């Protein structure tokens, strides 16, 4: 079981991924905005994995959230979910955190394999 923080502004996508993770046996907390997720992290709960959309409206995207969570917790494994596999946005992360990019749309098996891959690295 992996303790997952899930962040996606699209309600339907967030609900589907939440249900998939739940069926897989993971513990999941989800938010529709990075600032809400960051506030929750600051309340003291810890997570094994952040799964976040990359592009979200507002002043913080998924990459910004990953940077902030890394600063807050000192450790971070991330699965970035995106419809665009352009590597440019991820260049700024360097080796600050372990991450994998999962391109939408994806199937349950791809999600399971990606979680396994990042958690054993």
PDB file of N, CA and C in Angstrom:
ATOM      1  N   UNK A   1       0.838  -1.184   0.000  1.00  0.00           N
ATOM      2  CA  UNK A   1       0.000   0.000   0.000  1.00  0.00           C
ATOM      3  C   UNK A   1       0.884   1.249   0.000  1.00  0.00           C
ATOM      4  N   UNK A   2       0.517   2.183  -0.839  1.00  0.00           N
ATOM      5  CA  UNK A   2       1.241   3.443  -0.953  1.00  0.00           C
ATOM      6  C   UNK A   2       0.305   4.560  -0.488  1.00  0.00           C
ATOM      7  N   UNK A   3       0.830   5.482   0.288  1.00  0.00           N
ATOM      8  CA  UNK A   3       0.070   6.646   0.747  1.00  0.00           C
ATOM      9  C   UNK A   3       0.241   7.744  -0.310  1.00  0.00           C
ATOM     10  N   UNK A   4      -0.846   8.054  -1.050  1.00  0.00           N
ATOM     11  CA  UNK A   4      -0.777   8.900  -2.235  1.00  0.00           C
ATOM     12  C   UNK A   4      -1.490  10.229  -2.017  1.00  0.00           C
ATOM     13  N   UNK A   5      -0.829  11.306  -2.437  1.00  0.00           N
ATOM     14  CA  UNK A   5      -1.445  12.624  -2.542  1.00  0.00           C
ATOM     15  C   UNK A   5      -1.736  12.841  -4.017  1.00  0.00           C
ATOM     16  N   UNK A   6      -3.006  12.987  -4.363  1.00  0.00           N
ATOM     17  CA  UNK A   6      -3.457  13.138  -5.740  1.00  0.00           C
ATOM     18  C   UNK A   6      -3.970  14.561  -5.944  1.00  0.00           C
ATOM     19  N   UNK A   7      -3.458  15.231  -6.982  1.00  0.00           N
ATOM     20  CA  UNK A   7      -3.870  16.608  -7.260  1.00  0.00           C
ATOM     21  C   UNK A   7      -4.182  16.750  -8.749  1.00  0.00           C
ATOM     22  N   UNK A   8      -5.426  17.128  -9.040  1.00  0.00           N
ATOM     23  CA  UNK A   8      -5.843  17.376 -10.422  1.00  0.00           C
ATOM     24  C   UNK A   8      -7.048  18.299 -10.388  1.00  0.00           C
ATOM     25  N   UNK A   9      -7.028  19.325 -11.224  1.00  0.00           N
ATOM     26  CA  UNK A   9      -8.134  20.291 -11.236  1.00  0.00           C
ATOM     27  C   UNK A   9      -9.351  19.771 -11.984  1.00  0.00           C
ATOM     28  N   UNK A  10      -9.196  18.729 -12.779  1.00  0.00           N
ATOM     29  CA  UNK A  10     -10.314  18.146 -13.519  1.00  0.00           C
ATOM     30  C   UNK A  10     -11.018  17.128 -12.616  1.00  0.00           C
ATOM     31  N   UNK A  11     -12.246  17.447 -12.225  1.00  0.00           N
ATOM     32  CA  UNK A  11     -12.978  16.604 -11.283  1.00  0.00           C
ATOM     33  C   UNK A  11     -13.139  15.166 -11.771  1.00  0.00           C
ATOM     34  N   UNK A  12     -13.451  14.999 -13.048  1.00  0.00           N
ATOM     35  CA  UNK A  12     -13.660  13.655 -13.586  1.00  0.00           C
ATOM     36  C   UNK A  12     -12.361  12.848 -13.566  1.00  0.00           C
ATOM     37  N   UNK A  13     -11.282  13.442 -14.022  1.00  0.00           N
ATOM     38  CA  UNK A  13      -9.988  12.750 -14.022  1.00  0.00           C
ATOM     39  C   UNK A  13      -9.583  12.400 -12.591  1.00  0.00           C
ATOM     40  N   UNK A  14      -9.725  13.351 -11.684  1.00  0.00           N
ATOM     41  CA  UNK A  14      -9.353  13.126 -10.288  1.00  0.00           C
ATOM     42  C   UNK A  14     -10.165  11.976  -9.687  1.00  0.00           C
ATOM     43  N   UNK A  15     -11.457  11.945  -9.957  1.00  0.00           N
ATOM     44  CA  UNK A  15     -12.325  10.894  -9.420  1.00  0.00           C
ATOM     45  C   UNK A  15     -11.955   9.526  -9.985  1.00  0.00           C
ATOM     46  N   UNK A  16     -11.701   9.448 -11.287  1.00  0.00           N
ATOM     47  CA  UNK A  16     -11.332   8.173 -11.911  1.00  0.00           C
ATOM     48  C   UNK A  16     -10.002   7.668 -11.351  1.00  0.00           C
ATOM     49  N   UNK A  17      -9.001   8.533 -11.273  1.00  0.00           N
ATOM     50  CA  UNK A  17      -7.694   8.118 -10.750  1.00  0.00           C
ATOM     51  C   UNK A  17      -7.817   7.751  -9.270  1.00  0.00           C
ATOM     52  N   UNK A  18      -8.602   8.507  -8.509  1.00  0.00           N
ATOM     53  CA  UNK A  18      -8.827   8.189  -7.096  1.00  0.00           C
ATOM     54  C   UNK A  18      -9.388   6.774  -6.959  1.00  0.00           C
ATOM     55  N   UNK A  19     -10.414   6.455  -7.751  1.00  0.00           N
ATOM     56  CA  UNK A  19     -11.038   5.128  -7.681  1.00  0.00           C
ATOM     57  C   UNK A  19     -10.071   4.027  -8.094  1.00  0.00           C
ATOM     58  N   UNK A  20      -9.289   4.281  -9.133  1.00  0.00           N
ATOM     59  CA  UNK A  20      -8.290   3.293  -9.548  1.00  0.00           C
ATOM     60  C   UNK A  20      -7.296   3.019  -8.422  1.00  0.00           C
ATOM     61  N   UNK A  21      -6.801   4.076  -7.811  1.00  0.00           N
ATOM     62  CA  UNK A  21      -5.841   3.923  -6.717  1.00  0.00           C
ATOM     63  C   UNK A  21      -6.460   3.193  -5.530  1.00  0.00           C
ATOM     64  N   UNK A  22      -7.694   3.517  -5.228  1.00  0.00           N
ATOM     65  CA  UNK A  22      -8.407   2.873  -4.126  1.00  0.00           C
ATOM     66  C   UNK A  22      -8.573   1.379  -4.392  1.00  0.00           C
ATOM     67  N   UNK A  23      -8.985   1.024  -5.608  1.00  0.00           N
ATOM     68  CA  UNK A  23      -9.159  -0.377  -5.988  1.00  0.00           C
ATOM     69  C   UNK A  23      -7.826  -1.124  -5.906  1.00  0.00           C
ATOM     70  N   UNK A  24      -6.730  -0.431  -6.208  1.00  0.00           N
ATOM     71  CA  UNK A  24      -5.398  -1.040  -6.132  1.00  0.00           C
ATOM     72  C   UNK A  24      -4.938  -1.229  -4.686  1.00  0.00           C
ATOM     73  N   UNK A  25      -5.670  -0.662  -3.743  1.00  0.00           N
ATOM     74  CA  UNK A  25      -5.335  -0.830  -2.336  1.00  0.00           C
ATOM     75  C   UNK A  25      -4.502   0.281  -1.729  1.00  0.00           C
ATOM     76  N   UNK A  26      -4.391   1.391  -2.432  1.00  0.00           N
ATOM     77  CA  UNK A  26      -3.602   2.506  -1.913  1.00  0.00           C
ATOM     78  C   UNK A  26      -4.467   3.437  -1.069  1.00  0.00           C
ATOM     79  N   UNK A  27      -3.842   4.118  -0.152  1.00  0.00           N
ATOM     80  CA  UNK A  27      -4.486   5.150   0.654  1.00  0.00           C
ATOM     81  C   UNK A  27      -4.358   6.449  -0.118  1.00  0.00           C
ATOM     82  N   UNK A  28      -5.472   7.159  -0.366  1.00  0.00           N
ATOM     83  CA  UNK A  28      -5.443   8.335  -1.229  1.00  0.00           C
ATOM     84  C   UNK A  28      -6.126   9.523  -0.569  1.00  0.00           C
ATOM     85  N   UNK A  29      -5.468  10.680  -0.665  1.00  0.00           N
ATOM     86  CA  UNK A  29      -6.055  11.974  -0.311  1.00  0.00           C
ATOM     87  C   UNK A  29      -5.966  12.808  -1.572  1.00  0.00           C
ATOM     88  N   UNK A  30      -7.080  13.444  -1.962  1.00  0.00           N
ATOM     89  CA  UNK A  30      -7.051  14.191  -3.216  1.00  0.00           C
ATOM     90  C   UNK A  30      -7.502  15.630  -3.037  1.00  0.00           C
ATOM     91  N   UNK A  31      -6.965  16.470  -3.925  1.00  0.00           N
ATOM     92  CA  UNK A  31      -7.286  17.892  -3.932  1.00  0.00           C
ATOM     93  C   UNK A  31      -7.426  18.371  -5.360  1.00  0.00           C
ATOM     94  N   UNK A  32      -8.207  19.455  -5.526  1.00  0.00           N
ATOM     95  CA  UNK A  32      -8.425  20.011  -6.857  1.00  0.00           C
ATOM     96  C   UNK A  32      -7.507  21.176  -7.180  1.00  0.00           C
ATOM     97  N   UNK A  33      -6.668  21.565  -6.234  1.00  0.00           N
ATOM     98  CA  UNK A  33      -5.763  22.684  -6.479  1.00  0.00           C
ATOM     99  C   UNK A  33      -4.468  22.489  -5.692  1.00  0.00           C
ATOM    100  N   UNK A  34      -3.331  22.813  -6.299  1.00  0.00           N
ATOM    101  CA  UNK A  34      -2.042  22.641  -5.624  1.00  0.00           C
ATOM    102  C   UNK A  34      -1.934  23.358  -4.282  1.00  0.00           C
ATOM    103  N   UNK A  35      -2.503  24.550  -4.162  1.00  0.00           N
ATOM    104  CA  UNK A  35      -2.379  25.278  -2.896  1.00  0.00           C
ATOM    105  C   UNK A  35      -3.092  24.548  -1.758  1.00  0.00           C
ATOM    106  N   UNK A  36      -4.205  23.884  -2.059  1.00  0.00           N
ATOM    107  CA  UNK A  36      -4.915  23.099  -1.032  1.00  0.00           C
ATOM    108  C   UNK A  36      -4.074  21.898  -0.615  1.00  0.00           C
ATOM    109  N   UNK A  37      -3.443  21.265  -1.584  1.00  0.00           N
ATOM    110  CA  UNK A  37      -2.584  20.118  -1.290  1.00  0.00           C
ATOM    111  C   UNK A  37      -1.388  20.546  -0.445  1.00  0.00           C
ATOM    112  N   UNK A  38      -0.800  21.670  -0.779  1.00  0.00           N
ATOM    113  CA  UNK A  38       0.349  22.174  -0.027  1.00  0.00           C
ATOM    114  C   UNK A  38      -0.042  22.524   1.402  1.00  0.00           C
ATOM    115  N   UNK A  39      -1.200  23.124   1.581  1.00  0.00           N
ATOM    116  CA  UNK A  39      -1.685  23.433   2.926  1.00  0.00           C
ATOM    117  C   UNK A  39      -1.861  22.149   3.735  1.00  0.00           C
ATOM    118  N   UNK A  40      -2.338  21.106   3.083  1.00  0.00           N
ATOM    119  CA  UNK A  40      -2.515  19.824   3.772  1.00  0.00           C
ATOM    120  C   UNK A  40      -1.165  19.229   4.171  1.00  0.00           C
ATOM    121  N   UNK A  41      -0.201  19.315   3.286  1.00  0.00           N
ATOM    122  CA  UNK A  41       1.161  18.845   3.608  1.00  0.00           C
ATOM    123  C   UNK A  41       1.685  19.597   4.838  1.00  0.00           C
ATOM    124  N   UNK A  42       1.450  20.878   4.869  1.00  0.00           N
ATOM    125  CA  UNK A  42       1.938  21.703   5.984  1.00  0.00           C
ATOM    126  C   UNK A  42       1.237  21.377   7.294  1.00  0.00           C
ATOM    127  N   UNK A  43       0.086  20.706   7.227  1.00  0.00           N
ATOM    128  CA  UNK A  43      -0.613  20.298   8.446  1.00  0.00           C
ATOM    129  C   UNK A  43       0.054  19.098   9.101  1.00  0.00           C
ATOM    130  N   UNK A  44       0.984  18.465   8.377  1.00  0.00           N
ATOM    131  CA  UNK A  44       1.775  17.406   8.981  1.00  0.00           C
ATOM    132  C   UNK A  44       1.619  16.014   8.405  1.00  0.00           C
ATOM    133  N   UNK A  45       0.631  15.777   7.548  1.00  0.00           N
ATOM    134  CA  UNK A  45       0.491  14.438   6.978  1.00  0.00           C
ATOM    135  C   UNK A  45       1.605  14.194   5.969  1.00  0.00           C
ATOM    136  N   UNK A  46       2.110  12.978   5.971  1.00  0.00           N
ATOM    137  CA  UNK A  46       3.170  12.622   5.034  1.00  0.00           C
ATOM    138  C   UNK A  46       2.642  11.647   3.986  1.00  0.00           C
ATOM    139  N   UNK A  47       3.260  11.675   2.828  1.00  0.00           N
ATOM    140  CA  UNK A  47       2.851  10.834   1.714  1.00  0.00           C
ATOM    141  C   UNK A  47       4.074  10.162   1.112  1.00  0.00           C
ATOM    142  N   UNK A  48       3.845   8.981   0.543  1.00  0.00           N
ATOM    143  CA  UNK A  48       4.909   8.255  -0.148  1.00  0.00           C
ATOM    144  C   UNK A  48       5.063   8.738  -1.582  1.00  0.00           C
ATOM    145  N   UNK A  49       3.953   9.242  -2.152  1.00  0.00           N
ATOM    146  CA  UNK A  49       3.927   9.535  -3.573  1.00  0.00           C
ATOM    147  C   UNK A  49       2.965  10.686  -3.852  1.00  0.00           C
ATOM    148  N   UNK A  50       3.393  11.593  -4.721  1.00  0.00           N
ATOM    149  CA  UNK A  50       2.538  12.658  -5.233  1.00  0.00           C
ATOM    150  C   UNK A  50       2.208  12.317  -6.681  1.00  0.00           C
ATOM    151  N   UNK A  51       0.910  12.274  -6.990  1.00  0.00           N
ATOM    152  CA  UNK A  51       0.463  12.138  -8.375  1.00  0.00           C
ATOM    153  C   UNK A  51      -0.263  13.429  -8.703  1.00  0.00           C
ATOM    154  N   UNK A  52       0.270  14.172  -9.671  1.00  0.00           N
ATOM    155  CA  UNK A  52      -0.292  15.481  -9.962  1.00  0.00           C
ATOM    156  C   UNK A  52      -0.358  15.765 -11.456  1.00  0.00           C
ATOM    157  N   UNK A  53      -1.426  16.455 -11.822  1.00  0.00           N
ATOM    158  CA  UNK A  53      -1.521  17.002 -13.168  1.00  0.00           C
ATOM    159  C   UNK A  53      -0.426  18.062 -13.282  1.00  0.00           C
ATOM    160  N   UNK A  54       0.037  18.312 -14.482  1.00  0.00           N
ATOM    161  CA  UNK A  54       1.076  19.329 -14.668  1.00  0.00           C
ATOM    162  C   UNK A  54       0.450  20.707 -14.815  1.00  0.00           C
ATOM    163  N   UNK A  55      -0.465  20.836 -15.758  1.00  0.00           N
ATOM    164  CA  UNK A  55      -1.059  22.140 -16.036  1.00  0.00           C
ATOM    165  C   UNK A  55      -2.373  22.309 -15.279  1.00  0.00           C
ATOM    166  N   UNK A  56      -2.395  23.321 -14.419  1.00  0.00           N
ATOM    167  CA  UNK A  56      -3.597  23.638 -13.658  1.00  0.00           C
ATOM    168  C   UNK A  56      -3.739  25.151 -13.608  1.00  0.00           C
ATOM    169  N   UNK A  57      -4.973  25.638 -13.536  1.00  0.00           N
ATOM    170  CA  UNK A  57      -5.171  27.086 -13.499  1.00  0.00           C
ATOM    171  C   UNK A  57      -4.681  27.685 -12.176  1.00  0.00           C
ATOM    172  N   UNK A  58      -4.362  28.954 -12.214  1.00  0.00           N
ATOM    173  CA  UNK A  58      -3.937  29.638 -11.000  1.00  0.00           C
ATOM    174  C   UNK A  58      -2.451  29.892 -10.976  1.00  0.00           C
ATOM    175  N   UNK A  59      -1.966  30.193  -9.803  1.00  0.00           N
ATOM    176  CA  UNK A  59      -0.581  30.620  -9.645  1.00  0.00           C
ATOM    177  C   UNK A  59       0.400  29.478  -9.412  1.00  0.00           C
ATOM    178  N   UNK A  60      -0.079  28.229  -9.377  1.00  0.00           N
ATOM    179  CA  UNK A  60       0.804  27.102  -9.107  1.00  0.00           C
ATOM    180  C   UNK A  60       0.405  25.928  -9.987  1.00  0.00           C
ATOM    181  N   UNK A  61       1.385  25.339 -10.671  1.00  0.00           N
ATOM    182  CA  UNK A  61       1.106  24.136 -11.453  1.00  0.00           C
ATOM    183  C   UNK A  61       1.681  22.923 -10.722  1.00  0.00           C
ATOM    184  N   UNK A  62       1.607  21.761 -11.346  1.00  0.00           N
ATOM    185  CA  UNK A  62       2.085  20.551 -10.699  1.00  0.00           C
ATOM    186  C   UNK A  62       3.578  20.536 -10.443  1.00  0.00           C
ATOM    187  N   UNK A  63       4.338  21.136 -11.338  1.00  0.00           N
ATOM    188  CA  UNK A  63       5.792  21.193 -11.153  1.00  0.00           C
ATOM    189  C   UNK A  63       6.136  22.113  -9.979  1.00  0.00           C
ATOM    190  N   UNK A  64       5.438  23.237  -9.883  1.00  0.00           N
ATOM    191  CA  UNK A  64       5.633  24.134  -8.736  1.00  0.00           C
ATOM    192  C   UNK A  64       5.290  23.417  -7.430  1.00  0.00           C
ATOM    193  N   UNK A  65       4.193  22.674  -7.458  1.00  0.00           N
ATOM    194  CA  UNK A  65       3.782  21.923  -6.271  1.00  0.00           C
ATOM    195  C   UNK A  65       4.854  20.920  -5.876  1.00  0.00           C
ATOM    196  N   UNK A  66       5.396  20.198  -6.843  1.00  0.00           N
ATOM    197  CA  UNK A  66       6.448  19.221  -6.539  1.00  0.00           C
ATOM    198  C   UNK A  66       7.649  19.899  -5.880  1.00  0.00           C
ATOM    199  N   UNK A  67       8.049  21.047  -6.399  1.00  0.00           N
ATOM    200  CA  UNK A  67       9.175  21.792  -5.794  1.00  0.00           C
ATOM    201  C   UNK A  67       8.860  22.160  -4.345  1.00  0.00           C
ATOM    202  N   UNK A  68       7.665  22.678  -4.107  1.00  0.00           N
ATOM    203  CA  UNK A  68       7.279  23.110  -2.755  1.00  0.00           C
ATOM    204  C   UNK A  68       7.205  21.933  -1.785  1.00  0.00           C
ATOM    205  N   UNK A  69       6.615  20.826  -2.240  1.00  0.00           N
ATOM    206  CA  UNK A  69       6.519  19.645  -1.375  1.00  0.00           C
ATOM    207  C   UNK A  69       7.910  19.118  -1.063  1.00  0.00           C
ATOM    208  N   UNK A  70       8.787  19.117  -2.048  1.00  0.00           N
ATOM    209  CA  UNK A  70      10.168  18.683  -1.827  1.00  0.00           C
ATOM    210  C   UNK A  70      10.844  19.559  -0.764  1.00  0.00           C
ATOM    211  N   UNK A  71      10.640  20.876  -0.844  1.00  0.00           N
ATOM    212  CA  UNK A  71      11.210  21.791   0.151  1.00  0.00           C
ATOM    213  C   UNK A  71      10.625  21.542   1.534  1.00  0.00           C
ATOM    214  N   UNK A  72       9.337  21.246   1.602  1.00  0.00           N
ATOM    215  CA  UNK A  72       8.649  21.027   2.884  1.00  0.00           C
ATOM    216  C   UNK A  72       9.045  19.702   3.535  1.00  0.00           C
ATOM    217  N   UNK A  73       9.177  18.653   2.719  1.00  0.00           N
ATOM    218  CA  UNK A  73       9.357  17.314   3.278  1.00  0.00           C
ATOM    219  C   UNK A  73      10.773  16.767   3.149  1.00  0.00           C
ATOM    220  N   UNK A  74      11.542  17.320   2.217  1.00  0.00           N
ATOM    221  CA  UNK A  74      12.903  16.840   2.011  1.00  0.00           C
ATOM    222  C   UNK A  74      13.002  15.616   1.122  1.00  0.00           C
ATOM    223  N   UNK A  75      11.881  15.002   0.818  1.00  0.00           N
ATOM    224  CA  UNK A  75      11.907  13.831  -0.059  1.00  0.00           C
ATOM    225  C   UNK A  75      10.659  13.847  -0.923  1.00  0.00           C
ATOM    226  N   UNK A  76      10.764  13.222  -2.086  1.00  0.00           N
ATOM    227  CA  UNK A  76       9.596  13.251  -2.940  1.00  0.00           C
ATOM    228  C   UNK A  76       9.744  12.298  -4.121  1.00  0.00           C
ATOM    229  N   UNK A  77       8.708  11.509  -4.332  1.00  0.00           N
ATOM    230  CA  UNK A  77       8.552  10.714  -5.545  1.00  0.00           C
ATOM    231  C   UNK A  77       7.277  11.227  -6.188  1.00  0.00           C
ATOM    232  N   UNK A  78       7.335  11.485  -7.499  1.00  0.00           N
ATOM    233  CA  UNK A  78       6.224  12.125  -8.187  1.00  0.00           C
ATOM    234  C   UNK A  78       5.894  11.397  -9.480  1.00  0.00           C
ATOM    235  N   UNK A  79       4.603  11.260  -9.728  1.00  0.00           N
ATOM    236  CA  UNK A  79       4.129  10.885 -11.057  1.00  0.00           C
ATOM    237  C   UNK A  79       3.389  12.098 -11.582  1.00  0.00           C
ATOM    238  N   UNK A  80       3.935  12.684 -12.646  1.00  0.00           N
ATOM    239  CA  UNK A  80       3.279  13.807 -13.308  1.00  0.00           C
ATOM    240  C   UNK A  80       2.360  13.245 -14.380  1.00  0.00           C
ATOM    241  N   UNK A  81       1.099  13.636 -14.342  1.00  0.00           N
ATOM    242  CA  UNK A  81       0.121  13.200 -15.323  1.00  0.00           C
ATOM    243  C   UNK A  81      -0.136  14.375 -16.258  1.00  0.00           C
ATOM    244  N   UNK A  82       0.033  14.136 -17.555  1.00  0.00           N
ATOM    245  CA  UNK A  82      -0.105  15.219 -18.514  1.00  0.00           C
ATOM    246  C   UNK A  82      -0.573  14.700 -19.865  1.00  0.00           C
ATOM    247  N   UNK A  83      -1.188  15.563 -20.623  1.00  0.00           N
ATOM    248  CA  UNK A  83      -1.565  15.235 -21.981  1.00  0.00           C
ATOM    249  C   UNK A  83      -0.458  15.562 -22.967  1.00  0.00           C
ATOM    250  N   UNK A  84       0.594  16.189 -22.487  1.00  0.00           N
ATOM    251  CA  UNK A  84       1.685  16.658 -23.337  1.00  0.00           C
ATOM    252  C   UNK A  84       3.004  16.126 -22.782  1.00  0.00           C
ATOM    253  N   UNK A  85       3.745  15.409 -23.575  1.00  0.00           N
ATOM    254  CA  UNK A  85       5.000  14.832 -23.084  1.00  0.00           C
ATOM    255  C   UNK A  85       6.217  15.674 -23.458  1.00  0.00           C
ATOM    256  N   UNK A  86       6.056  16.955 -23.559  1.00  0.00           N
ATOM    257  CA  UNK A  86       7.177  17.854 -23.825  1.00  0.00           C
ATOM    258  C   UNK A  86       8.098  17.846 -22.598  1.00  0.00           C
ATOM    259  N   UNK A  87       9.369  17.465 -22.736  1.00  0.00           N
ATOM    260  CA  UNK A  87      10.274  17.387 -21.584  1.00  0.00           C
ATOM    261  C   UNK A  87      10.703  18.750 -21.034  1.00  0.00           C
ATOM    262  N   UNK A  88      10.501  19.803 -21.781  1.00  0.00           N
ATOM    263  CA  UNK A  88      10.953  21.139 -21.385  1.00  0.00           C
ATOM    264  C   UNK A  88      10.500  21.564 -19.980  1.00  0.00           C
ATOM    265  N   UNK A  89       9.228  21.427 -19.621  1.00  0.00           N
ATOM    266  CA  UNK A  89       8.810  21.898 -18.293  1.00  0.00           C
ATOM    267  C   UNK A  89       9.506  21.186 -17.138  1.00  0.00           C
ATOM    268  N   UNK A  90       9.970  19.967 -17.370  1.00  0.00           N
ATOM    269  CA  UNK A  90      10.570  19.175 -16.298  1.00  0.00           C
ATOM    270  C   UNK A  90      12.058  19.448 -16.120  1.00  0.00           C
ATOM    271  N   UNK A  91      12.660  20.141 -17.070  1.00  0.00           N
ATOM    272  CA  UNK A  91      14.095  20.422 -17.009  1.00  0.00           C
ATOM    273  C   UNK A  91      14.462  21.195 -15.746  1.00  0.00           C
ATOM    274  N   UNK A  92      13.568  22.053 -15.288  1.00  0.00           N
ATOM    275  CA  UNK A  92      13.866  22.867 -14.107  1.00  0.00           C
ATOM    276  C   UNK A  92      13.937  22.045 -12.826  1.00  0.00           C
ATOM    277  N   UNK A  93      13.407  20.825 -12.840  1.00  0.00           N
ATOM    278  CA  UNK A  93      13.456  19.975 -11.651  1.00  0.00           C
ATOM    279  C   UNK A  93      14.834  19.362 -11.449  1.00  0.00           C
ATOM    280  N   UNK A  94      15.554  19.169 -12.548  1.00  0.00           N
ATOM    281  CA  UNK A  94      16.876  18.555 -12.438  1.00  0.00           C
ATOM    282  C   UNK A  94      16.771  17.236 -11.703  1.00  0.00           C
ATOM    283  N   UNK A  95      17.617  17.049 -10.698  1.00  0.00           N
ATOM    284  CA  UNK A  95      17.560  15.823  -9.901  1.00  0.00           C
ATOM    285  C   UNK A  95      17.004  16.093  -8.506  1.00  0.00           C
ATOM    286  N   UNK A  96      16.184  17.132  -8.388  1.00  0.00           N
ATOM    287  CA  UNK A  96      15.616  17.491  -7.081  1.00  0.00           C
ATOM    288  C   UNK A  96      14.631  16.466  -6.553  1.00  0.00           C
ATOM    289  N   UNK A  97      13.979  15.748  -7.437  1.00  0.00           N
ATOM    290  CA  UNK A  97      13.046  14.723  -6.998  1.00  0.00           C
ATOM    291  C   UNK A  97      12.994  13.609  -8.026  1.00  0.00           C
ATOM    292  N   UNK A  98      12.581  12.432  -7.564  1.00  0.00           N
ATOM    293  CA  UNK A  98      12.389  11.314  -8.466  1.00  0.00           C
ATOM    294  C   UNK A  98      11.023  11.476  -9.105  1.00  0.00           C
ATOM    295  N   UNK A  99      10.967  11.407 -10.423  1.00  0.00           N
ATOM    296  CA  UNK A  99       9.662  11.539 -11.064  1.00  0.00           C
ATOM    297  C   UNK A  99       9.583  10.725 -12.340  1.00  0.00           C
ATOM    298  N   UNK A 100       8.347  10.422 -12.700  1.00  0.00           N
ATOM    299  CA  UNK A 100       8.015   9.765 -13.957  1.00  0.00           C
ATOM    300  C   UNK A 100       6.861  10.548 -14.553  1.00  0.00           C
ATOM    301  N   UNK A 101       6.849  10.680 -15.860  1.00  0.00           N
ATOM    302  CA  UNK A 101       5.759  11.348 -16.561  1.00  0.00           C
ATOM    303  C   UNK A 101       4.852  10.269 -17.146  1.00  0.00           C
ATOM    304  N   UNK A 102       3.570  10.347 -16.814  1.00  0.00           N
ATOM    305  CA  UNK A 102       2.563   9.427 -17.334  1.00  0.00           C
ATOM    306  C   UNK A 102       1.630  10.229 -18.230  1.00  0.00           C
ATOM    307  N   UNK A 103       1.605   9.864 -19.509  1.00  0.00           N
ATOM    308  CA  UNK A 103       0.844  10.634 -20.496  1.00  0.00           C
ATOM    309  C   UNK A 103      -0.601  10.137 -20.556  1.00  0.00           C
ATOM    310  N   UNK A 104      -1.535  11.106 -20.499  1.00  0.00           N
ATOM    311  CA  UNK A 104      -2.962  10.802 -20.637  1.00  0.00           C
ATOM    312  C   UNK A 104      -3.286  10.588 -22.108  1.00  0.00           C
ATOM    313  N   UNK A 105      -4.227   9.759 -22.412  1.00  0.00           N
ATOM    314  CA  UNK A 105      -4.960   8.872 -21.504  1.00  0.00           C
ATOM    315  C   UNK A 105      -4.120   7.641 -21.177  1.00  0.00           C
ATOM    316  N   UNK A 106      -4.346   7.065 -20.025  1.00  0.00           N
ATOM    317  CA  UNK A 106      -3.630   5.861 -19.622  1.00  0.00           C
ATOM    318  C   UNK A 106      -4.614   4.859 -19.042  1.00  0.00           C
ATOM    319  N   UNK A 107      -4.188   3.637 -18.973  1.00  0.00           N
ATOM    320  CA  UNK A 107      -5.007   2.548 -18.447  1.00  0.00           C
ATOM    321  C   UNK A 107      -4.539   2.182 -17.041  1.00  0.00           C
ATOM    322  N   UNK A 108      -5.374   1.439 -16.357  1.00  0.00           N
ATOM    323  CA  UNK A 108      -5.052   1.031 -14.987  1.00  0.00           C
ATOM    324  C   UNK A 108      -3.699   0.330 -14.925  1.00  0.00           C
ATOM    325  N   UNK A 109      -3.457  -0.568 -15.865  1.00  0.00           N
ATOM    326  CA  UNK A 109      -2.203  -1.315 -15.856  1.00  0.00           C
ATOM    327  C   UNK A 109      -0.998  -0.380 -15.953  1.00  0.00           C
ATOM    328  N   UNK A 110      -1.090   0.653 -16.802  1.00  0.00           N
ATOM    329  CA  UNK A 110       0.003   1.619 -16.927  1.00  0.00           C
ATOM    330  C   UNK A 110       0.221   2.353 -15.607  1.00  0.00           C
ATOM    331  N   UNK A 111      -0.865   2.712 -14.952  1.00  0.00           N
ATOM    332  CA  UNK A 111      -0.755   3.400 -13.664  1.00  0.00           C
ATOM    333  C   UNK A 111      -0.098   2.481 -12.631  1.00  0.00           C
ATOM    334  N   UNK A 112      -0.541   1.233 -12.582  1.00  0.00           N
ATOM    335  CA  UNK A 112       0.045   0.275 -11.636  1.00  0.00           C
ATOM    336  C   UNK A 112       1.539   0.089 -11.890  1.00  0.00           C
ATOM    337  N   UNK A 113       1.905  -0.081 -13.156  1.00  0.00           N
ATOM    338  CA  UNK A 113       3.318  -0.286 -13.499  1.00  0.00           C
ATOM    339  C   UNK A 113       4.153   0.947 -13.159  1.00  0.00           C
ATOM    340  N   UNK A 114       3.588   2.123 -13.384  1.00  0.00           N
ATOM    341  CA  UNK A 114       4.318   3.360 -13.096  1.00  0.00           C
ATOM    342  C   UNK A 114       4.528   3.519 -11.598  1.00  0.00           C
ATOM    343  N   UNK A 115       3.510   3.205 -10.810  1.00  0.00           N
ATOM    344  CA  UNK A 115       3.642   3.283  -9.347  1.00  0.00           C
ATOM    345  C   UNK A 115       4.700   2.306  -8.868  1.00  0.00           C
ATOM    346  N   UNK A 116       4.652   1.086  -9.368  1.00  0.00           N
ATOM    347  CA  UNK A 116       5.661   0.092  -8.990  1.00  0.00           C
ATOM    348  C   UNK A 116       7.060   0.565  -9.352  1.00  0.00           C
ATOM    349  N   UNK A 117       7.200   1.098 -10.550  1.00  0.00           N
ATOM    350  CA  UNK A 117       8.510   1.559 -11.024  1.00  0.00           C
ATOM    351  C   UNK A 117       9.068   2.666 -10.128  1.00  0.00           C
ATOM    352  N   UNK A 118       8.256   3.665  -9.797  1.00  0.00           N
ATOM    353  CA  UNK A 118       8.769   4.788  -9.010  1.00  0.00           C
ATOM    354  C   UNK A 118       9.020   4.397  -7.558  1.00  0.00           C
ATOM    355  N   UNK A 119       8.218   3.480  -7.032  1.00  0.00           N
ATOM    356  CA  UNK A 119       8.366   3.132  -5.622  1.00  0.00           C
ATOM    357  C   UNK A 119       9.565   2.228  -5.371  1.00  0.00           C
ATOM    358  N   UNK A 120      10.003   1.486  -6.368  1.00  0.00           N
ATOM    359  CA  UNK A 120      11.178   0.610  -6.169  1.00  0.00           C
ATOM    360  C   UNK A 120      12.480   1.303  -6.544  1.00  0.00           C
ATOM    361  N   UNK A 121      12.384   2.497  -7.115  1.00  0.00           N
ATOM    362  CA  UNK A 121      13.609   3.192  -7.535  1.00  0.00           C
ATOM    363  C   UNK A 121      14.294   3.847  -6.341  1.00  0.00           C
TER     364      UNK A 121
END
